[in-house]
Amino acid sequence: MMTKRFPLTQTQLGIYLAEQNASEEADYNIDLVYYLDADIDIPRLKQALQQAVNQHPYLKAHLVQDEDGQLFLEQRDNDPILVQERSVRTREDALRLVGLRFDLLHDTLYRLVIFTLADGQHILYLDFHHILCDGMSCTTFHQEVSHLY
């Protein structure tokens, strides 16, 4: 299958350049944190997250730079969907692991993490880089996961 590349929009390029010149803060991450009940069906939630990513394939695009320095979003439909499951003691422990910057040319530009706390509660953490998503598309993704669950 031939790899498809799409040029960045002016807005995406501006976000990329601004982030390259920014501090170590994750200024262009869109972080969503949901506190879930202990009775949530984790395998079902994980499946809903994976299905939602499949229904929004732009999430699997990677930022790449060619030999001339041009930036593109590269379509990678066959990449595995990454949904991490992590066990932590407390909410505070989970929140220390969120809000990290993306390595734009090496990371997937989304993170989906299900934290399980020692008390049996769960936290769902969704993190999208603003190059791929805006607030509205994140809301749409959230609604899609809710519907699929």
Protein backbone atom coordinates (compact mmCIF):
# COMPACT_ATOMS: atom_id res chain seq x y z
CA MET A 1 0.00 0.00 0.00
CA MET A 2 1.32 3.39 -0.99
CA THR A 3 1.85 5.86 1.85
CA LYS A 4 -0.24 9.01 1.57
CA ARG A 5 1.16 12.33 2.71
CA PHE A 6 -0.76 15.53 3.17
CA PRO A 7 0.78 18.99 3.50
CA LEU A 8 0.17 20.85 6.74
CA THR A 9 -2.33 23.67 6.73
CA GLN A 10 -1.02 27.11 7.66
CA THR A 11 -2.61 26.68 11.09
CA GLN A 12 -0.94 23.29 11.64
CA LEU A 13 2.41 24.67 10.52
CA GLY A 14 1.98 27.63 12.86
CA ILE A 15 1.25 25.29 15.77
CA TYR A 16 4.31 23.20 14.92
CA LEU A 17 6.59 26.24 14.74
CA ALA A 18 5.17 27.76 17.92
CA GLU A 19 5.70 24.52 19.80
CA GLN A 20 9.29 24.26 18.57
CA ASN A 21 10.00 27.69 20.05
CA ALA A 22 8.00 27.21 23.26
CA SER A 23 9.01 26.23 26.75
CA GLU A 24 8.91 22.66 27.97
CA GLU A 25 5.19 23.03 28.72
CA ALA A 26 2.73 21.01 26.66
CA ASP A 27 0.91 24.12 25.43
CA TYR A 28 -0.69 22.43 22.43
CA ASN A 29 -1.97 19.29 24.11
CA ILE A 30 -5.70 18.89 24.52
CA ASP A 31 -5.96 16.89 27.74
CA LEU A 32 -9.22 15.31 28.88
CA VAL A 33 -9.48 13.52 32.22
CA TYR A 34 -12.55 11.49 33.20
CA TYR A 35 -13.08 9.95 36.63
CA LEU A 36 -14.91 6.65 36.17
CA ASP A 37 -16.75 4.35 38.53
CA ALA A 38 -15.21 1.11 39.71
CA ASP A 39 -17.86 -0.89 37.83
CA ILE A 40 -16.76 0.34 34.38
CA ASP A 41 -16.15 -2.53 31.97
CA ILE A 42 -12.50 -1.92 31.05
CA PRO A 43 -12.31 -4.35 28.08
CA ARG A 44 -15.49 -2.79 26.67
CA LEU A 45 -14.12 0.74 27.18
CA LYS A 46 -10.85 -0.23 25.52
CA GLN A 47 -12.75 -1.66 22.56
CA ALA A 48 -14.87 1.50 22.28
CA LEU A 49 -11.72 3.64 22.25
CA GLN A 50 -10.16 1.49 19.53
CA GLN A 51 -13.33 1.59 17.42
CA ALA A 52 -13.53 5.37 17.80
CA VAL A 53 -9.94 5.78 16.59
CA ASN A 54 -10.75 3.56 13.60
CA GLN A 55 -13.73 5.79 12.81
CA HIS A 56 -11.47 8.85 12.95
CA PRO A 57 -8.40 7.67 11.00
CA TYR A 58 -6.79 11.14 11.01
CA LEU A 59 -5.77 10.29 14.59
CA LYS A 60 -3.32 7.71 13.26
CA ALA A 61 -1.52 10.26 11.10
CA HIS A 62 2.11 10.95 11.96
CA LEU A 63 4.02 14.14 11.45
CA VAL A 64 6.99 13.52 9.15
CA GLN A 65 9.69 15.64 7.62
CA ASP A 66 11.14 14.86 4.21
CA GLU A 67 14.77 15.26 3.15
CA ASP A 68 14.05 18.85 2.07
CA GLY A 69 12.67 19.78 5.49
CA GLN A 70 9.03 19.88 4.35
CA LEU A 71 6.51 18.75 6.95
CA PHE A 72 3.63 16.43 6.15
CA LEU A 73 0.99 14.42 7.90
CA GLU A 74 1.50 10.83 6.83
CA GLN A 75 -1.50 8.51 6.79
CA ARG A 76 -0.80 5.30 8.70
CA ASP A 77 -4.05 3.37 8.67
CA ASN A 78 -2.35 0.08 9.55
CA ASP A 79 -0.70 1.35 12.74
CA PRO A 80 -1.92 -0.39 15.88
CA ILE A 81 -4.24 1.62 18.09
CA LEU A 82 -2.51 2.40 21.34
CA VAL A 83 -4.67 2.19 24.47
CA GLN A 84 -2.48 1.95 27.55
CA GLU A 85 -3.62 0.45 30.84
CA ARG A 86 -1.69 1.52 33.92
CA SER A 87 -2.08 0.73 37.58
CA VAL A 88 -1.39 3.51 40.06
CA ARG A 89 -2.03 3.99 43.76
CA THR A 90 -3.93 7.29 43.77
CA ARG A 91 -5.47 9.97 41.56
CA GLU A 92 -2.48 12.16 42.30
CA ASP A 93 -0.13 9.44 41.02
CA ALA A 94 -2.12 9.23 37.78
CA LEU A 95 -2.22 13.00 37.32
CA ARG A 96 1.58 13.18 37.62
CA LEU A 97 1.76 11.03 34.46
CA VAL A 98 -0.42 13.24 32.26
CA GLY A 99 0.23 16.43 30.32
CA LEU A 100 3.57 15.44 28.80
CA ARG A 101 4.76 17.03 25.57
CA PHE A 102 4.61 15.01 22.39
CA ASP A 103 7.79 14.38 20.41
CA LEU A 104 6.11 15.65 17.25
CA LEU A 105 8.28 13.79 14.74
CA HIS A 106 8.38 10.48 16.62
CA ASP A 107 5.26 9.99 18.75
CA THR A 108 1.73 9.19 17.77
CA LEU A 109 -0.13 12.45 18.28
CA TYR A 110 -2.70 11.02 20.67
CA ARG A 111 -2.57 9.19 23.99
CA LEU A 112 -5.33 7.03 25.43
CA VAL A 113 -4.68 5.78 28.94
CA ILE A 114 -6.91 3.91 31.37
CA PHE A 115 -5.57 4.22 34.91
CA THR A 116 -6.72 1.76 37.55
CA LEU A 117 -6.33 3.07 41.09
CA ALA A 118 -5.59 0.92 44.12
CA ASP A 119 -9.13 1.55 45.42
CA GLY A 120 -10.66 0.13 42.22
CA GLN A 121 -11.64 3.47 40.71
CA HIS A 122 -10.55 4.34 37.16
CA ILE A 123 -9.39 7.40 35.31
CA LEU A 124 -9.65 7.73 31.54
CA TYR A 125 -7.06 10.10 30.11
CA LEU A 126 -7.36 11.29 26.51
CA ASP A 127 -4.61 13.51 25.12
CA PHE A 128 -4.52 14.86 21.58
CA HIS A 129 -2.05 17.19 19.96
CA HIS A 130 -3.66 20.31 18.56
CA ILE A 131 -2.07 19.65 15.15
CA LEU A 132 -4.61 16.80 14.79
CA CYS A 133 -7.57 17.98 16.83
CA ASP A 134 -9.36 21.01 18.12
CA GLY A 135 -11.88 21.25 20.92
CA MET A 136 -14.80 20.37 18.68
CA SER A 137 -13.20 17.24 17.21
CA CYS A 138 -12.23 16.10 20.73
CA THR A 139 -15.85 16.53 21.82
CA THR A 140 -16.94 14.49 18.80
CA PHE A 141 -14.43 11.77 19.71
CA HIS A 142 -15.68 11.71 23.31
CA GLN A 143 -19.29 11.39 22.11
CA GLU A 144 -18.29 8.59 19.74
CA VAL A 145 -16.61 6.65 22.56
CA SER A 146 -19.68 7.10 24.75
CA HIS A 147 -21.93 5.87 21.97
CA LEU A 148 -19.73 2.87 21.18
CA TYR A 149 -19.42 1.92 24.85
